[in-house]
PDB file of N, CA and C in Angstrom:
ATOM      1  N   UNK A   1     160.569  92.838 192.361  1.00  0.00           N
ATOM      2  CA  UNK A   1     161.884  93.957 192.923  1.00  0.00           C
ATOM      3  C   UNK A   1     162.877  93.881 192.042  1.00  0.00           C
ATOM      4  N   UNK A   2     163.819  92.780 191.745  1.00  0.00           N
ATOM      5  CA  UNK A   2     164.975  92.482 191.375  1.00  0.00           C
ATOM      6  C   UNK A   2     164.544  92.791 189.592  1.00  0.00           C
ATOM      7  N   UNK A   3     163.186  92.382 189.417  1.00  0.00           N
ATOM      8  CA  UNK A   3     162.555  92.051 188.108  1.00  0.00           C
ATOM      9  C   UNK A   3     162.583  93.850 187.496  1.00  0.00           C
ATOM     10  N   UNK A   4     162.255  94.270 188.202  1.00  0.00           N
ATOM     11  CA  UNK A   4     162.081  96.007 188.198  1.00  0.00           C
ATOM     12  C   UNK A   4     163.350  97.122 187.641  1.00  0.00           C
ATOM     13  N   UNK A   5     164.563  96.524 188.571  1.00  0.00           N
ATOM     14  CA  UNK A   5     165.898  97.075 188.579  1.00  0.00           C
ATOM     15  C   UNK A   5     166.518  95.911 186.568  1.00  0.00           C
ATOM     16  N   UNK A   6     166.474  94.711 186.886  1.00  0.00           N
ATOM     17  CA  UNK A   6     166.555  94.514 185.620  1.00  0.00           C
ATOM     18  C   UNK A   6     166.121  94.764 184.517  1.00  0.00           C
ATOM     19  N   UNK A   7     164.373  95.680 184.577  1.00  0.00           N
ATOM     20  CA  UNK A   7     164.248  96.292 183.822  1.00  0.00           C
ATOM     21  C   UNK A   7     164.638  97.170 183.079  1.00  0.00           C
ATOM     22  N   UNK A   8     165.193  98.368 184.474  1.00  0.00           N
ATOM     23  CA  UNK A   8     165.522  99.937 184.094  1.00  0.00           C
ATOM     24  C   UNK A   8     167.080  99.727 183.982  1.00  0.00           C
ATOM     25  N   UNK A   9     167.931  98.794 184.106  1.00  0.00           N
ATOM     26  CA  UNK A   9     169.374  97.403 183.539  1.00  0.00           C
ATOM     27  C   UNK A   9     169.120  97.595 181.551  1.00  0.00           C
ATOM     28  N   UNK A  10     168.304  97.577 180.910  1.00  0.00           N
ATOM     29  CA  UNK A  10     167.882  96.776 179.982  1.00  0.00           C
ATOM     30  C   UNK A  10     167.609  98.326 179.183  1.00  0.00           C
ATOM     31  N   UNK A  11     166.522  99.052 179.799  1.00  0.00           N
ATOM     32  CA  UNK A  11     166.501 100.057 179.379  1.00  0.00           C
ATOM     33  C   UNK A  11     167.450 101.339 179.101  1.00  0.00           C
ATOM     34  N   UNK A  12     168.166 100.885 179.909  1.00  0.00           N
ATOM     35  CA  UNK A  12     169.296 102.341 179.931  1.00  0.00           C
ATOM     36  C   UNK A  12     170.084 101.932 179.564  1.00  0.00           C
ATOM     37  N   UNK A  13     170.681 100.326 178.928  1.00  0.00           N
ATOM     38  CA  UNK A  13     171.832 100.069 178.424  1.00  0.00           C
ATOM     39  C   UNK A  13     171.099 100.244 176.998  1.00  0.00           C
ATOM     40  N   UNK A  14     170.129  99.886 176.100  1.00  0.00           N
ATOM     41  CA  UNK A  14     169.683 100.102 174.453  1.00  0.00           C
ATOM     42  C   UNK A  14     169.350 101.992 174.858  1.00  0.00           C
ATOM     43  N   UNK A  15     169.218 102.806 175.899  1.00  0.00           N
ATOM     44  CA  UNK A  15     169.381 104.018 175.278  1.00  0.00           C
ATOM     45  C   UNK A  15     170.457 104.560 175.087  1.00  0.00           C
ATOM     46  N   UNK A  16     172.103 104.188 175.882  1.00  0.00           N
ATOM     47  CA  UNK A  16     172.752 104.209 175.908  1.00  0.00           C
ATOM     48  C   UNK A  16     173.055 103.810 174.307  1.00  0.00           C
ATOM     49  N   UNK A  17     173.050 102.071 174.186  1.00  0.00           N
ATOM     50  CA  UNK A  17     173.238 101.634 172.477  1.00  0.00           C
ATOM     51  C   UNK A  17     172.606 103.139 171.747  1.00  0.00           C
ATOM     52  N   UNK A  18     172.257 103.496 171.621  1.00  0.00           N
ATOM     53  CA  UNK A  18     170.468 103.934 170.640  1.00  0.00           C
ATOM     54  C   UNK A  18     170.653 105.890 170.482  1.00  0.00           C
ATOM     55  N   UNK A  19     171.595 106.161 171.643  1.00  0.00           N
ATOM     56  CA  UNK A  19     171.659 107.101 170.989  1.00  0.00           C
ATOM     57  C   UNK A  19     173.756 107.336 171.005  1.00  0.00           C
ATOM     58  N   UNK A  20     174.842 106.264 170.940  1.00  0.00           N
ATOM     59  CA  UNK A  20     175.225 106.410 170.144  1.00  0.00           C
ATOM     60  C   UNK A  20     175.706 106.277 168.378  1.00  0.00           C
ATOM     61  N   UNK A  21     174.358 106.081 168.663  1.00  0.00           N
ATOM     62  CA  UNK A  21     174.773 104.860 166.775  1.00  0.00           C
ATOM     63  C   UNK A  21     173.733 107.238 166.137  1.00  0.00           C
ATOM     64  N   UNK A  22     172.838 106.909 167.052  1.00  0.00           N
ATOM     65  CA  UNK A  22     172.407 108.725 166.751  1.00  0.00           C
ATOM     66  C   UNK A  22     173.234 109.260 166.306  1.00  0.00           C
ATOM     67  N   UNK A  23     174.290 109.579 166.815  1.00  0.00           N
ATOM     68  CA  UNK A  23     175.367 110.679 167.146  1.00  0.00           C
ATOM     69  C   UNK A  23     176.377 110.340 165.958  1.00  0.00           C
ATOM     70  N   UNK A  24     176.503 109.426 165.525  1.00  0.00           N
ATOM     71  CA  UNK A  24     177.457 108.417 164.622  1.00  0.00           C
ATOM     72  C   UNK A  24     177.189 108.037 163.421  1.00  0.00           C
ATOM     73  N   UNK A  25     175.515 108.396 163.506  1.00  0.00           N
ATOM     74  CA  UNK A  25     175.399 107.361 162.463  1.00  0.00           C
ATOM     75  C   UNK A  25     175.560 108.071 161.014  1.00  0.00           C
ATOM     76  N   UNK A  26     175.434 109.161 161.407  1.00  0.00           N
ATOM     77  CA  UNK A  26     175.630 110.820 159.694  1.00  0.00           C
ATOM     78  C   UNK A  26     174.841 110.484 158.967  1.00  0.00           C
ATOM     79  N   UNK A  27     172.779 109.760 159.554  1.00  0.00           N
ATOM     80  CA  UNK A  27     172.153 110.362 158.449  1.00  0.00           C
ATOM     81  C   UNK A  27     171.717 108.819 157.720  1.00  0.00           C
ATOM     82  N   UNK A  28     172.254 107.795 158.107  1.00  0.00           N
ATOM     83  CA  UNK A  28     172.261 106.359 157.442  1.00  0.00           C
ATOM     84  C   UNK A  28     171.089 105.504 158.121  1.00  0.00           C
ATOM     85  N   UNK A  29     170.248 104.819 157.763  1.00  0.00           N
ATOM     86  CA  UNK A  29     169.308 104.153 158.174  1.00  0.00           C
ATOM     87  C   UNK A  29     169.649 103.096 159.284  1.00  0.00           C
ATOM     88  N   UNK A  30     168.617 103.194 160.486  1.00  0.00           N
ATOM     89  CA  UNK A  30     169.418 102.113 161.471  1.00  0.00           C
ATOM     90  C   UNK A  30     168.741 100.385 161.585  1.00  0.00           C
ATOM     91  N   UNK A  31     169.611  99.190 161.240  1.00  0.00           N
ATOM     92  CA  UNK A  31     168.897  97.816 161.358  1.00  0.00           C
ATOM     93  C   UNK A  31     168.819  97.637 162.593  1.00  0.00           C
ATOM     94  N   UNK A  32     167.528  98.256 163.090  1.00  0.00           N
ATOM     95  CA  UNK A  32     167.103  96.768 165.040  1.00  0.00           C
ATOM     96  C   UNK A  32     166.957  96.232 165.600  1.00  0.00           C
ATOM     97  N   UNK A  33     167.222  95.246 165.627  1.00  0.00           N
ATOM     98  CA  UNK A  33     167.380  93.854 166.225  1.00  0.00           C
ATOM     99  C   UNK A  33     166.658  93.690 167.164  1.00  0.00           C
ATOM    100  N   UNK A  34     165.203  92.762 167.520  1.00  0.00           N
ATOM    101  CA  UNK A  34     164.918  92.490 168.599  1.00  0.00           C
ATOM    102  C   UNK A  34     165.267  90.733 168.633  1.00  0.00           C
ATOM    103  N   UNK A  35     165.347  89.725 169.342  1.00  0.00           N
ATOM    104  CA  UNK A  35     165.551  88.309 170.278  1.00  0.00           C
ATOM    105  C   UNK A  35     164.917  88.187 171.252  1.00  0.00           C
ATOM    106  N   UNK A  36     163.475  86.832 170.921  1.00  0.00           N
ATOM    107  CA  UNK A  36     162.547  86.564 171.802  1.00  0.00           C
ATOM    108  C   UNK A  36     163.767  85.733 171.344  1.00  0.00           C
ATOM    109  N   UNK A  37     162.758  84.320 172.507  1.00  0.00           N
ATOM    110  CA  UNK A  37     162.851  82.840 172.844  1.00  0.00           C
ATOM    111  C   UNK A  37     163.347  82.284 171.319  1.00  0.00           C
ATOM    112  N   UNK A  38     162.125  82.325 170.901  1.00  0.00           N
ATOM    113  CA  UNK A  38     162.234  80.819 169.191  1.00  0.00           C
ATOM    114  C   UNK A  38     162.230  81.928 168.314  1.00  0.00           C
ATOM    115  N   UNK A  39     162.276  84.034 168.354  1.00  0.00           N
ATOM    116  CA  UNK A  39     161.978  83.582 167.402  1.00  0.00           C
ATOM    117  C   UNK A  39     163.767  85.385 167.375  1.00  0.00           C
ATOM    118  N   UNK A  40     163.684  86.213 165.395  1.00  0.00           N
ATOM    119  CA  UNK A  40     164.336  87.229 165.481  1.00  0.00           C
ATOM    120  C   UNK A  40     163.258  87.687 164.630  1.00  0.00           C
ATOM    121  N   UNK A  41     164.031  89.666 164.642  1.00  0.00           N
ATOM    122  CA  UNK A  41     162.825  90.402 164.015  1.00  0.00           C
ATOM    123  C   UNK A  41     164.393  91.320 163.905  1.00  0.00           C
ATOM    124  N   UNK A  42     163.564  91.616 162.765  1.00  0.00           N
ATOM    125  CA  UNK A  42     165.185  92.855 162.120  1.00  0.00           C
ATOM    126  C   UNK A  42     164.513  94.350 161.695  1.00  0.00           C
ATOM    127  N   UNK A  43     164.861  94.788 161.576  1.00  0.00           N
ATOM    128  CA  UNK A  43     163.820  96.038 160.476  1.00  0.00           C
ATOM    129  C   UNK A  43     164.947  97.200 160.270  1.00  0.00           C
ATOM    130  N   UNK A  44     164.714  97.567 159.429  1.00  0.00           N
ATOM    131  CA  UNK A  44     165.193  99.588 158.825  1.00  0.00           C
ATOM    132  C   UNK A  44     164.050 100.108 158.882  1.00  0.00           C
ATOM    133  N   UNK A  45     165.180 100.773 159.668  1.00  0.00           N
ATOM    134  CA  UNK A  45     164.235 101.940 159.572  1.00  0.00           C
ATOM    135  C   UNK A  45     165.454 103.465 159.847  1.00  0.00           C
ATOM    136  N   UNK A  46     164.082 104.555 158.476  1.00  0.00           N
ATOM    137  CA  UNK A  46     165.191 105.503 158.780  1.00  0.00           C
ATOM    138  C   UNK A  46     164.602 107.448 159.184  1.00  0.00           C
ATOM    139  N   UNK A  47     165.336 107.392 160.675  1.00  0.00           N
ATOM    140  CA  UNK A  47     164.792 108.201 162.037  1.00  0.00           C
ATOM    141  C   UNK A  47     164.483 109.785 160.835  1.00  0.00           C
ATOM    142  N   UNK A  48     165.132 110.068 160.159  1.00  0.00           N
ATOM    143  CA  UNK A  48     164.840 110.769 159.049  1.00  0.00           C
ATOM    144  C   UNK A  48     163.140 111.044 159.062  1.00  0.00           C
ATOM    145  N   UNK A  49     162.718 110.035 158.190  1.00  0.00           N
ATOM    146  CA  UNK A  49     161.516 110.145 157.846  1.00  0.00           C
ATOM    147  C   UNK A  49     160.809 109.832 159.195  1.00  0.00           C
ATOM    148  N   UNK A  50     161.758 109.001 160.053  1.00  0.00           N
ATOM    149  CA  UNK A  50     160.695 108.638 160.535  1.00  0.00           C
ATOM    150  C   UNK A  50     159.781 106.964 160.660  1.00  0.00           C
ATOM    151  N   UNK A  51     160.143 106.267 159.732  1.00  0.00           N
ATOM    152  CA  UNK A  51     159.280 105.517 158.648  1.00  0.00           C
ATOM    153  C   UNK A  51     160.163 103.995 159.312  1.00  0.00           C
ATOM    154  N   UNK A  52     159.935 102.887 158.981  1.00  0.00           N
ATOM    155  CA  UNK A  52     159.987 102.229 158.737  1.00  0.00           C
ATOM    156  C   UNK A  52     160.121 101.551 157.308  1.00  0.00           C
ATOM    157  N   UNK A  53     161.609 100.905 156.852  1.00  0.00           N
ATOM    158  CA  UNK A  53     161.738 100.534 155.494  1.00  0.00           C
ATOM    159  C   UNK A  53     161.565  99.293 154.879  1.00  0.00           C
ATOM    160  N   UNK A  54     162.064  97.992 155.721  1.00  0.00           N
ATOM    161  CA  UNK A  54     162.071  97.312 155.061  1.00  0.00           C
ATOM    162  C   UNK A  54     161.677  96.961 156.822  1.00  0.00           C
ATOM    163  N   UNK A  55     161.391  94.978 157.197  1.00  0.00           N
ATOM    164  CA  UNK A  55     161.494  94.455 157.457  1.00  0.00           C
ATOM    165  C   UNK A  55     161.910  93.090 157.283  1.00  0.00           C
ATOM    166  N   UNK A  56     161.953  91.867 158.456  1.00  0.00           N
ATOM    167  CA  UNK A  56     161.924  90.303 158.400  1.00  0.00           C
ATOM    168  C   UNK A  56     162.103  90.046 159.304  1.00  0.00           C
ATOM    169  N   UNK A  57     161.254  88.630 159.746  1.00  0.00           N
ATOM    170  CA  UNK A  57     161.444  87.993 160.780  1.00  0.00           C
ATOM    171  C   UNK A  57     161.307  86.425 160.738  1.00  0.00           C
ATOM    172  N   UNK A  58     162.202  85.604 161.693  1.00  0.00           N
ATOM    173  CA  UNK A  58     161.676  84.142 161.163  1.00  0.00           C
ATOM    174  C   UNK A  58     160.407  83.989 161.322  1.00  0.00           C
ATOM    175  N   UNK A  59     159.371  84.593 161.202  1.00  0.00           N
ATOM    176  CA  UNK A  59     158.190  84.564 161.418  1.00  0.00           C
ATOM    177  C   UNK A  59     157.526  84.564 159.671  1.00  0.00           C
ATOM    178  N   UNK A  60     157.819  85.436 159.257  1.00  0.00           N
ATOM    179  CA  UNK A  60     158.055  85.060 157.713  1.00  0.00           C
ATOM    180  C   UNK A  60     158.389  83.890 157.116  1.00  0.00           C
ATOM    181  N   UNK A  61     159.713  83.705 157.298  1.00  0.00           N
ATOM    182  CA  UNK A  61     160.730  83.054 156.780  1.00  0.00           C
ATOM    183  C   UNK A  61     160.053  81.309 156.966  1.00  0.00           C
ATOM    184  N   UNK A  62     159.487  81.201 158.183  1.00  0.00           N
ATOM    185  CA  UNK A  62     158.652  80.058 158.731  1.00  0.00           C
ATOM    186  C   UNK A  62     159.843  78.447 157.910  1.00  0.00           C
ATOM    187  N   UNK A  63     160.856  78.898 158.665  1.00  0.00           N
ATOM    188  CA  UNK A  63     161.514  77.179 158.072  1.00  0.00           C
ATOM    189  C   UNK A  63     162.079  76.858 159.188  1.00  0.00           C
ATOM    190  N   UNK A  64     161.319  75.628 159.532  1.00  0.00           N
ATOM    191  CA  UNK A  64     161.510  75.268 160.789  1.00  0.00           C
ATOM    192  C   UNK A  64     162.544  74.019 160.695  1.00  0.00           C
ATOM    193  N   UNK A  65     163.026  74.112 159.215  1.00  0.00           N
ATOM    194  CA  UNK A  65     164.320  72.589 158.900  1.00  0.00           C
ATOM    195  C   UNK A  65     165.747  73.695 159.604  1.00  0.00           C
ATOM    196  N   UNK A  66     165.902  74.408 160.343  1.00  0.00           N
ATOM    197  CA  UNK A  66     166.953  75.239 160.255  1.00  0.00           C
ATOM    198  C   UNK A  66     167.613  74.936 161.916  1.00  0.00           C
ATOM    199  N   UNK A  67     168.183  75.725 162.314  1.00  0.00           N
ATOM    200  CA  UNK A  67     168.517  76.109 163.837  1.00  0.00           C
ATOM    201  C   UNK A  67     168.279  77.791 163.902  1.00  0.00           C
ATOM    202  N   UNK A  68     168.356  78.124 165.191  1.00  0.00           N
ATOM    203  CA  UNK A  68     168.083  79.611 165.375  1.00  0.00           C
ATOM    204  C   UNK A  68     169.170  80.407 165.164  1.00  0.00           C
ATOM    205  N   UNK A  69     170.394  79.907 164.799  1.00  0.00           N
ATOM    206  CA  UNK A  69     171.172  81.128 164.158  1.00  0.00           C
ATOM    207  C   UNK A  69     171.635  80.872 162.921  1.00  0.00           C
ATOM    208  N   UNK A  70     171.198  80.315 161.883  1.00  0.00           N
ATOM    209  CA  UNK A  70     170.668  79.421 160.678  1.00  0.00           C
ATOM    210  C   UNK A  70     169.845  81.028 160.197  1.00  0.00           C
ATOM    211  N   UNK A  71     169.189  80.355 160.734  1.00  0.00           N
ATOM    212  CA  UNK A  71     167.168  81.067 160.471  1.00  0.00           C
ATOM    213  C   UNK A  71     167.953  82.583 161.096  1.00  0.00           C
ATOM    214  N   UNK A  72     168.584  82.430 162.284  1.00  0.00           N
ATOM    215  CA  UNK A  72     169.280  84.530 162.246  1.00  0.00           C
ATOM    216  C   UNK A  72     170.124  85.193 160.603  1.00  0.00           C
ATOM    217  N   UNK A  73     170.987  83.989 160.132  1.00  0.00           N
ATOM    218  CA  UNK A  73     171.101  84.282 158.961  1.00  0.00           C
ATOM    219  C   UNK A  73     169.983  84.447 157.915  1.00  0.00           C
ATOM    220  N   UNK A  74     169.549  84.395 157.355  1.00  0.00           N
ATOM    221  CA  UNK A  74     168.401  83.438 156.625  1.00  0.00           C
ATOM    222  C   UNK A  74     167.734  85.488 157.174  1.00  0.00           C
ATOM    223  N   UNK A  75     167.357  85.966 157.697  1.00  0.00           N
ATOM    224  CA  UNK A  75     166.915  87.068 158.269  1.00  0.00           C
ATOM    225  C   UNK A  75     168.006  88.071 157.946  1.00  0.00           C
ATOM    226  N   UNK A  76     168.739  88.335 157.530  1.00  0.00           N
ATOM    227  CA  UNK A  76     170.232  89.006 157.675  1.00  0.00           C
ATOM    228  C   UNK A  76     169.344  89.051 156.441  1.00  0.00           C
ATOM    229  N   UNK A  77     169.695  88.354 155.067  1.00  0.00           N
ATOM    230  CA  UNK A  77     169.941  88.001 154.199  1.00  0.00           C
ATOM    231  C   UNK A  77     168.637  88.994 153.322  1.00  0.00           C
ATOM    232  N   UNK A  78     167.373  87.775 153.530  1.00  0.00           N
ATOM    233  CA  UNK A  78     166.078  88.877 153.116  1.00  0.00           C
ATOM    234  C   UNK A  78     166.001  89.815 153.013  1.00  0.00           C
ATOM    235  N   UNK A  79     166.973  90.489 154.440  1.00  0.00           N
ATOM    236  CA  UNK A  79     166.320  91.982 155.027  1.00  0.00           C
ATOM    237  C   UNK A  79     167.138  93.158 153.641  1.00  0.00           C
ATOM    238  N   UNK A  80     168.499  92.288 154.154  1.00  0.00           N
ATOM    239  CA  UNK A  80     169.525  92.952 153.243  1.00  0.00           C
ATOM    240  C   UNK A  80     168.522  93.396 151.152  1.00  0.00           C
ATOM    241  N   UNK A  81     168.016  92.293 150.691  1.00  0.00           N
ATOM    242  CA  UNK A  81     167.457  91.890 150.186  1.00  0.00           C
ATOM    243  C   UNK A  81     165.932  92.999 149.499  1.00  0.00           C
ATOM    244  N   UNK A  82     165.694  92.930 150.897  1.00  0.00           N
ATOM    245  CA  UNK A  82     164.276  93.869 151.121  1.00  0.00           C
ATOM    246  C   UNK A  82     164.695  95.577 150.871  1.00  0.00           C
ATOM    247  N   UNK A  83     165.740  95.538 151.296  1.00  0.00           N
ATOM    248  CA  UNK A  83     166.614  96.757 152.108  1.00  0.00           C
ATOM    249  C   UNK A  83     167.134  97.571 150.295  1.00  0.00           C
ATOM    250  N   UNK A  84     167.843  96.585 150.192  1.00  0.00           N
ATOM    251  CA  UNK A  84     168.645  96.561 148.633  1.00  0.00           C
ATOM    252  C   UNK A  84     167.185  97.277 146.961  1.00  0.00           C
ATOM    253  N   UNK A  85     165.956  96.477 147.347  1.00  0.00           N
ATOM    254  CA  UNK A  85     165.238  96.940 146.535  1.00  0.00           C
ATOM    255  C   UNK A  85     164.473  97.845 147.403  1.00  0.00           C
ATOM    256  N   UNK A  86     164.322  98.631 148.294  1.00  0.00           N
ATOM    257  CA  UNK A  86     163.927  99.799 148.658  1.00  0.00           C
ATOM    258  C   UNK A  86     165.307 100.973 148.703  1.00  0.00           C
ATOM    259  N   UNK A  87     166.446 100.848 148.301  1.00  0.00           N
ATOM    260  CA  UNK A  87     167.407 101.922 147.571  1.00  0.00           C
ATOM    261  C   UNK A  87     168.359 102.559 148.880  1.00  0.00           C
ATOM    262  N   UNK A  88     167.905 100.861 150.249  1.00  0.00           N
ATOM    263  CA  UNK A  88     168.865 101.079 151.554  1.00  0.00           C
ATOM    264  C   UNK A  88     170.486 100.284 150.328  1.00  0.00           C
ATOM    265  N   UNK A  89     171.595 101.350 151.544  1.00  0.00           N
ATOM    266  CA  UNK A  89     173.647 100.330 150.652  1.00  0.00           C
ATOM    267  C   UNK A  89     174.157 100.144 151.970  1.00  0.00           C
ATOM    268  N   UNK A  90     173.671 101.304 153.000  1.00  0.00           N
ATOM    269  CA  UNK A  90     174.612 102.201 153.644  1.00  0.00           C
ATOM    270  C   UNK A  90     173.512 101.920 155.221  1.00  0.00           C
ATOM    271  N   UNK A  91     174.255 101.334 155.447  1.00  0.00           N
ATOM    272  CA  UNK A  91     173.925 101.175 156.823  1.00  0.00           C
ATOM    273  C   UNK A  91     174.106 101.415 158.009  1.00  0.00           C
ATOM    274  N   UNK A  92     173.870 101.524 159.941  1.00  0.00           N
ATOM    275  CA  UNK A  92     174.583 101.389 161.106  1.00  0.00           C
ATOM    276  C   UNK A  92     173.863  99.914 162.008  1.00  0.00           C
ATOM    277  N   UNK A  93     173.832  99.658 162.873  1.00  0.00           N
ATOM    278  CA  UNK A  93     173.460  98.859 163.665  1.00  0.00           C
ATOM    279  C   UNK A  93     173.512  99.369 164.129  1.00  0.00           C
ATOM    280  N   UNK A  94     172.209  98.798 165.091  1.00  0.00           N
ATOM    281  CA  UNK A  94     171.124  99.145 166.274  1.00  0.00           C
ATOM    282  C   UNK A  94     171.266  97.266 167.171  1.00  0.00           C
ATOM    283  N   UNK A  95     172.100  97.219 168.408  1.00  0.00           N
ATOM    284  CA  UNK A  95     171.706  96.108 167.772  1.00  0.00           C
ATOM    285  C   UNK A  95     171.097  96.504 169.817  1.00  0.00           C
ATOM    286  N   UNK A  96     170.996  97.215 170.469  1.00  0.00           N
ATOM    287  CA  UNK A  96     169.990  97.164 171.586  1.00  0.00           C
ATOM    288  C   UNK A  96     170.793  96.843 172.682  1.00  0.00           C
ATOM    289  N   UNK A  97     169.590  96.199 173.627  1.00  0.00           N
ATOM    290  CA  UNK A  97     169.634  95.387 174.643  1.00  0.00           C
ATOM    291  C   UNK A  97     170.766  94.608 174.709  1.00  0.00           C
ATOM    292  N   UNK A  98     171.655  93.809 173.018  1.00  0.00           N
ATOM    293  CA  UNK A  98     171.651  92.798 173.234  1.00  0.00           C
ATOM    294  C   UNK A  98     172.863  92.360 172.851  1.00  0.00           C
ATOM    295  N   UNK A  99     173.630  91.595 173.449  1.00  0.00           N
ATOM    296  CA  UNK A  99     175.354  91.311 173.381  1.00  0.00           C
ATOM    297  C   UNK A  99     175.285  91.179 171.321  1.00  0.00           C
ATOM    298  N   UNK A 100     176.845  91.836 170.886  1.00  0.00           N
ATOM    299  CA  UNK A 100     177.057  91.547 169.879  1.00  0.00           C
ATOM    300  C   UNK A 100     176.905  89.563 169.579  1.00  0.00           C
ATOM    301  N   UNK A 101     177.043  88.679 169.947  1.00  0.00           N
ATOM    302  CA  UNK A 101     177.181  87.439 169.845  1.00  0.00           C
ATOM    303  C   UNK A 101     175.954  86.526 168.980  1.00  0.00           C
ATOM    304  N   UNK A 102     176.511  85.239 168.756  1.00  0.00           N
ATOM    305  CA  UNK A 102     175.404  84.395 168.535  1.00  0.00           C
ATOM    306  C   UNK A 102     174.237  85.275 167.490  1.00  0.00           C
ATOM    307  N   UNK A 103     172.741  85.126 167.731  1.00  0.00           N
ATOM    308  CA  UNK A 103     171.728  85.240 166.562  1.00  0.00           C
ATOM    309  C   UNK A 103     172.136  86.583 165.762  1.00  0.00           C
ATOM    310  N   UNK A 104     172.303  87.163 167.486  1.00  0.00           N
ATOM    311  CA  UNK A 104     172.564  88.780 167.004  1.00  0.00           C
ATOM    312  C   UNK A 104     173.740  88.940 165.691  1.00  0.00           C
ATOM    313  N   UNK A 105     174.813  87.976 165.808  1.00  0.00           N
ATOM    314  CA  UNK A 105     175.761  88.588 165.416  1.00  0.00           C
ATOM    315  C   UNK A 105     175.442  87.597 163.658  1.00  0.00           C
ATOM    316  N   UNK A 106     174.512  86.078 163.773  1.00  0.00           N
ATOM    317  CA  UNK A 106     173.885  85.927 162.557  1.00  0.00           C
ATOM    318  C   UNK A 106     173.412  86.818 161.530  1.00  0.00           C
ATOM    319  N   UNK A 107     172.501  87.931 162.009  1.00  0.00           N
ATOM    320  CA  UNK A 107     171.492  87.975 161.635  1.00  0.00           C
ATOM    321  C   UNK A 107     172.564  90.113 160.468  1.00  0.00           C
ATOM    322  N   UNK A 108     173.819  90.124 161.086  1.00  0.00           N
ATOM    323  CA  UNK A 108     175.054  90.690 160.685  1.00  0.00           C
ATOM    324  C   UNK A 108     175.437  90.739 159.624  1.00  0.00           C
ATOM    325  N   UNK A 109     175.891  89.402 160.301  1.00  0.00           N
ATOM    326  CA  UNK A 109     176.451  88.167 158.768  1.00  0.00           C
ATOM    327  C   UNK A 109     175.402  88.434 157.754  1.00  0.00           C
ATOM    328  N   UNK A 110     174.537  87.783 157.972  1.00  0.00           N
ATOM    329  CA  UNK A 110     174.045  87.895 156.668  1.00  0.00           C
ATOM    330  C   UNK A 110     173.047  88.327 155.990  1.00  0.00           C
ATOM    331  N   UNK A 111     173.220  90.311 156.587  1.00  0.00           N
ATOM    332  CA  UNK A 111     173.468  91.049 155.966  1.00  0.00           C
ATOM    333  C   UNK A 111     174.122  91.718 155.216  1.00  0.00           C
ATOM    334  N   UNK A 112     176.108  91.144 155.411  1.00  0.00           N
ATOM    335  CA  UNK A 112     176.951  91.820 154.747  1.00  0.00           C
ATOM    336  C   UNK A 112     177.032  90.787 154.251  1.00  0.00           C
ATOM    337  N   UNK A 113     176.556  89.092 154.049  1.00  0.00           N
ATOM    338  CA  UNK A 113     176.007  88.454 153.021  1.00  0.00           C
ATOM    339  C   UNK A 113     175.023  88.936 151.769  1.00  0.00           C
ATOM    340  N   UNK A 114     174.161  89.958 152.209  1.00  0.00           N
ATOM    341  CA  UNK A 114     173.665  90.068 151.223  1.00  0.00           C
ATOM    342  C   UNK A 114     174.320  91.414 150.581  1.00  0.00           C
ATOM    343  N   UNK A 115     174.854  91.835 150.858  1.00  0.00           N
ATOM    344  CA  UNK A 115     175.482  93.088 150.231  1.00  0.00           C
ATOM    345  C   UNK A 115     174.670  94.183 150.631  1.00  0.00           C
ATOM    346  N   UNK A 116     174.845  94.652 152.359  1.00  0.00           N
ATOM    347  CA  UNK A 116     174.754  95.521 152.519  1.00  0.00           C
ATOM    348  C   UNK A 116     175.818  95.857 153.206  1.00  0.00           C
ATOM    349  N   UNK A 117     176.254  97.498 154.255  1.00  0.00           N
ATOM    350  CA  UNK A 117     177.428  97.786 154.208  1.00  0.00           C
ATOM    351  C   UNK A 117     177.470  97.854 155.196  1.00  0.00           C
ATOM    352  N   UNK A 118     177.730  97.846 156.499  1.00  0.00           N
ATOM    353  CA  UNK A 118     177.461  98.059 157.783  1.00  0.00           C
ATOM    354  C   UNK A 118     178.702  99.396 158.522  1.00  0.00           C
TER     355      UNK A 118
END
């Protein structure tokens, strides 16, 4: 029972964040982040076209010698390079149900370091 309540609250939080971004984005693509226990995934989504423009994750990078925060920063840098190759320079950040803290924040720092405007 408690797990169902947690799932519902997580879904509501993600929906609320997504709605606010959708209202304020102004047609910019959004970057969505998912954080699992061992990996982090990020992708650039163009909502107008309904397509994923670029994506990156720690599974793709396969760099086992760095800690999770540093790996998340590398994912951000890699995604920024792929997004710039696809012609995306300005994005909005959709943190979903995750707090802007730790590995999620490291991804954003990597994106900014890679040259994207958030």
